[in-house]
C-alpha atoms as a PDB file:
ATOM      1  CA  MET A   1      -5.077 -49.608 -27.782  1.00  0.00           C
ATOM      2  CA  ARG A   2      -3.960 -49.870 -24.176  1.00  0.00           C
ATOM      3  CA  LEU A   3      -0.502 -48.591 -25.084  1.00  0.00           C
ATOM      4  CA  PHE A   4      -2.136 -45.608 -26.796  1.00  0.00           C
ATOM      5  CA  LYS A   5      -4.100 -44.746 -23.609  1.00  0.00           C
ATOM      6  CA  ILE A   6      -0.963 -44.986 -21.466  1.00  0.00           C
ATOM      7  CA  MET A   7       0.972 -42.723 -23.870  1.00  0.00           C
ATOM      8  CA  LEU A   8      -1.901 -40.242 -23.908  1.00  0.00           C
ATOM      9  CA  ILE A   9      -2.023 -40.123 -20.092  1.00  0.00           C
ATOM     10  CA  ILE A  10       1.739 -39.625 -19.862  1.00  0.00           C
ATOM     11  CA  MET A  11       1.603 -36.865 -22.441  1.00  0.00           C
ATOM     12  CA  LEU A  12      -1.263 -35.074 -20.660  1.00  0.00           C
ATOM     13  CA  ALA A  13       0.500 -35.362 -17.301  1.00  0.00           C
ATOM     14  CA  SER A  14       3.703 -33.879 -18.691  1.00  0.00           C
ATOM     15  CA  VAL A  15       1.843 -30.999 -20.385  1.00  0.00           C
ATOM     16  CA  LEU A  16       0.007 -30.281 -17.148  1.00  0.00           C
ATOM     17  CA  ALA A  17       3.229 -30.336 -15.132  1.00  0.00           C
ATOM     18  CA  VAL A  18       4.955 -27.925 -17.512  1.00  0.00           C
ATOM     19  CA  SER A  19       2.020 -25.521 -17.677  1.00  0.00           C
ATOM     20  CA  CYS A  20       1.711 -25.347 -13.889  1.00  0.00           C
ATOM     21  CA  LYS A  21       5.387 -24.573 -13.483  1.00  0.00           C
ATOM     22  CA  THR A  22       5.393 -21.429 -15.615  1.00  0.00           C
ATOM     23  CA  LYS A  23       5.401 -18.234 -13.588  1.00  0.00           C
ATOM     24  CA  LYS A  24       2.535 -15.863 -14.024  1.00  0.00           C
ATOM     25  CA  GLU A  25       3.083 -12.466 -15.548  1.00  0.00           C
ATOM     26  CA  MET A  26       2.806  -9.563 -13.107  1.00  0.00           C
ATOM     27  CA  THR A  27      -0.050  -7.201 -13.895  1.00  0.00           C
ATOM     28  CA  LEU A  28       0.141  -3.473 -13.360  1.00  0.00           C
ATOM     29  CA  GLU A  29      -2.719  -3.757 -10.853  1.00  0.00           C
ATOM     30  CA  ASP A  30      -0.780  -6.267  -8.758  1.00  0.00           C
ATOM     31  CA  TYR A  31       2.326  -4.113  -9.022  1.00  0.00           C
ATOM     32  CA  ALA A  32       0.374  -1.065  -7.812  1.00  0.00           C
ATOM     33  CA  ARG A  33      -0.992  -2.968  -4.786  1.00  0.00           C
ATOM     34  CA  MET A  34       2.443  -4.300  -3.942  1.00  0.00           C
ATOM     35  CA  GLU A  35       4.076  -0.905  -4.352  1.00  0.00           C
ATOM     36  CA  LEU A  36       1.610   0.686  -1.919  1.00  0.00           C
ATOM     37  CA  GLU A  37       2.383  -2.002   0.619  1.00  0.00           C
ATOM     38  CA  ILE A  38       6.160  -1.826   0.131  1.00  0.00           C
ATOM     39  CA  ASN A  39       6.310   1.997   0.080  1.00  0.00           C
ATOM     40  CA  LEU A  40       9.989   2.271  -0.917  1.00  0.00           C
ATOM     41  CA  PRO A  41      11.550   4.394  -3.695  1.00  0.00           C
ATOM     42  CA  ASP A  42      13.836   1.500  -4.694  1.00  0.00           C
ATOM     43  CA  PRO A  43      13.369  -2.239  -3.981  1.00  0.00           C
ATOM     44  CA  GLU A  44      17.096  -2.570  -3.274  1.00  0.00           C
ATOM     45  CA  LEU A  45      16.683  -0.621  -0.015  1.00  0.00           C
ATOM     46  CA  ASP A  46      14.886  -3.477   1.761  1.00  0.00           C
ATOM     47  CA  LYS A  47      15.038  -6.708  -0.246  1.00  0.00           C
ATOM     48  CA  ALA A  48      13.551  -8.768   2.583  1.00  0.00           C
ATOM     49  CA  LYS A  49      10.413  -6.627   2.779  1.00  0.00           C
ATOM     50  CA  VAL A  50      10.003  -6.650  -1.002  1.00  0.00           C
ATOM     51  CA  GLU A  51      10.482 -10.422  -1.113  1.00  0.00           C
ATOM     52  CA  GLU A  52       7.907 -10.946   1.625  1.00  0.00           C
ATOM     53  CA  VAL A  53       5.275  -8.802  -0.101  1.00  0.00           C
ATOM     54  CA  ALA A  54       6.015 -10.301  -3.525  1.00  0.00           C
ATOM     55  CA  LYS A  55       5.638 -13.804  -2.105  1.00  0.00           C
ATOM     56  CA  LYS A  56       2.313 -12.792  -0.526  1.00  0.00           C
ATOM     57  CA  TYR A  57       0.999 -11.927  -4.001  1.00  0.00           C
ATOM     58  CA  GLY A  58       2.491 -15.020  -5.642  1.00  0.00           C
ATOM     59  CA  TYR A  59       5.507 -13.401  -7.292  1.00  0.00           C
ATOM     60  CA  THR A  60       9.266 -13.412  -6.788  1.00  0.00           C
ATOM     61  CA  TYR A  61      11.569 -10.541  -5.890  1.00  0.00           C
ATOM     62  CA  GLN A  62      13.032 -10.667  -9.397  1.00  0.00           C
ATOM     63  CA  GLN A  63       9.596 -10.365 -11.004  1.00  0.00           C
ATOM     64  CA  TYR A  64       8.874  -7.295  -8.857  1.00  0.00           C
ATOM     65  CA  ARG A  65      12.269  -5.813  -9.685  1.00  0.00           C
ATOM     66  CA  ASP A  66      11.753  -6.404 -13.415  1.00  0.00           C
ATOM     67  CA  MET A  67       8.337  -4.714 -13.294  1.00  0.00           C
ATOM     68  CA  PHE A  68       9.808  -1.844 -11.254  1.00  0.00           C
ATOM     69  CA  ASP A  69      12.468  -1.277 -13.927  1.00  0.00           C
ATOM     70  CA  LYS A  70       9.890  -1.597 -16.697  1.00  0.00           C
ATOM     71  CA  VAL A  71       7.618   1.024 -15.110  1.00  0.00           C
ATOM     72  CA  GLU A  72      10.532   3.376 -14.445  1.00  0.00           C
ATOM     73  CA  LYS A  73      11.561   3.280 -18.113  1.00  0.00           C
ATOM     74  CA  ASP A  74       8.093   3.415 -19.699  1.00  0.00           C
ATOM     75  CA  THR A  75       6.245   6.740 -19.343  1.00  0.00           C
ATOM     76  CA  LYS A  76       2.963   5.207 -20.545  1.00  0.00           C
ATOM     77  CA  LEU A  77       3.058   2.637 -17.729  1.00  0.00           C
ATOM     78  CA  LYS A  78       3.898   5.382 -15.208  1.00  0.00           C
ATOM     79  CA  GLU A  79       0.940   7.387 -16.456  1.00  0.00           C
ATOM     80  CA  LYS A  80      -1.408   4.423 -16.185  1.00  0.00           C
ATOM     81  CA  LEU A  81      -0.097   3.661 -12.680  1.00  0.00           C
ATOM     82  CA  GLY A  82      -0.767   7.279 -11.668  1.00  0.00           C
ATOM     83  CA  GLU A  83      -4.314   7.054 -13.038  1.00  0.00           C
ATOM     84  CA  MET A  84      -4.901   3.868 -11.043  1.00  0.00           C
ATOM     85  CA  ARG A  85      -3.685   5.536  -7.835  1.00  0.00           C
ATOM     86  CA  LEU A  86      -5.875   8.560  -8.477  1.00  0.00           C
ATOM     87  CA  GLN A  87      -8.900   6.324  -9.049  1.00  0.00           C
ATOM     88  CA  ASP A  88      -8.195   4.483  -5.776  1.00  0.00           C
ATOM     89  CA  GLN A  89      -8.010   7.792  -3.892  1.00  0.00           C
ATOM     90  CA  LYS A  90     -11.306   8.944  -5.406  1.00  0.00           C
ATOM     91  CA  GLU A  91     -12.987   5.680  -4.381  1.00  0.00           C
ATOM     92  CA  LYS A  92     -11.664   5.960  -0.816  1.00  0.00           C
ATOM     93  CA  LYS A  93     -13.082   9.513  -0.440  1.00  0.00           C
ATOM     94  CA  GLU A  94     -16.567   8.405  -1.461  1.00  0.00           C
END
């Protein structure tokens, strides 16, 4: 019985360690906030600035770059991003 408890604790600890290590998926909302702060047409222009802002939001430069490429290729995501920006502008005016 004691061996079973020890094995269970080890298994739970390893599952917890693995689950905490996985990187979170960047949301379009986070991307929009980061993009406003970065204010560059291409992340390659100032990698240090992009890295700093990405780190502030809990992401890596590569995650930002991947989302940037994804948004550039997908017109639906671009449209949704534009709607989010428009909504933010409306809220700021009120």
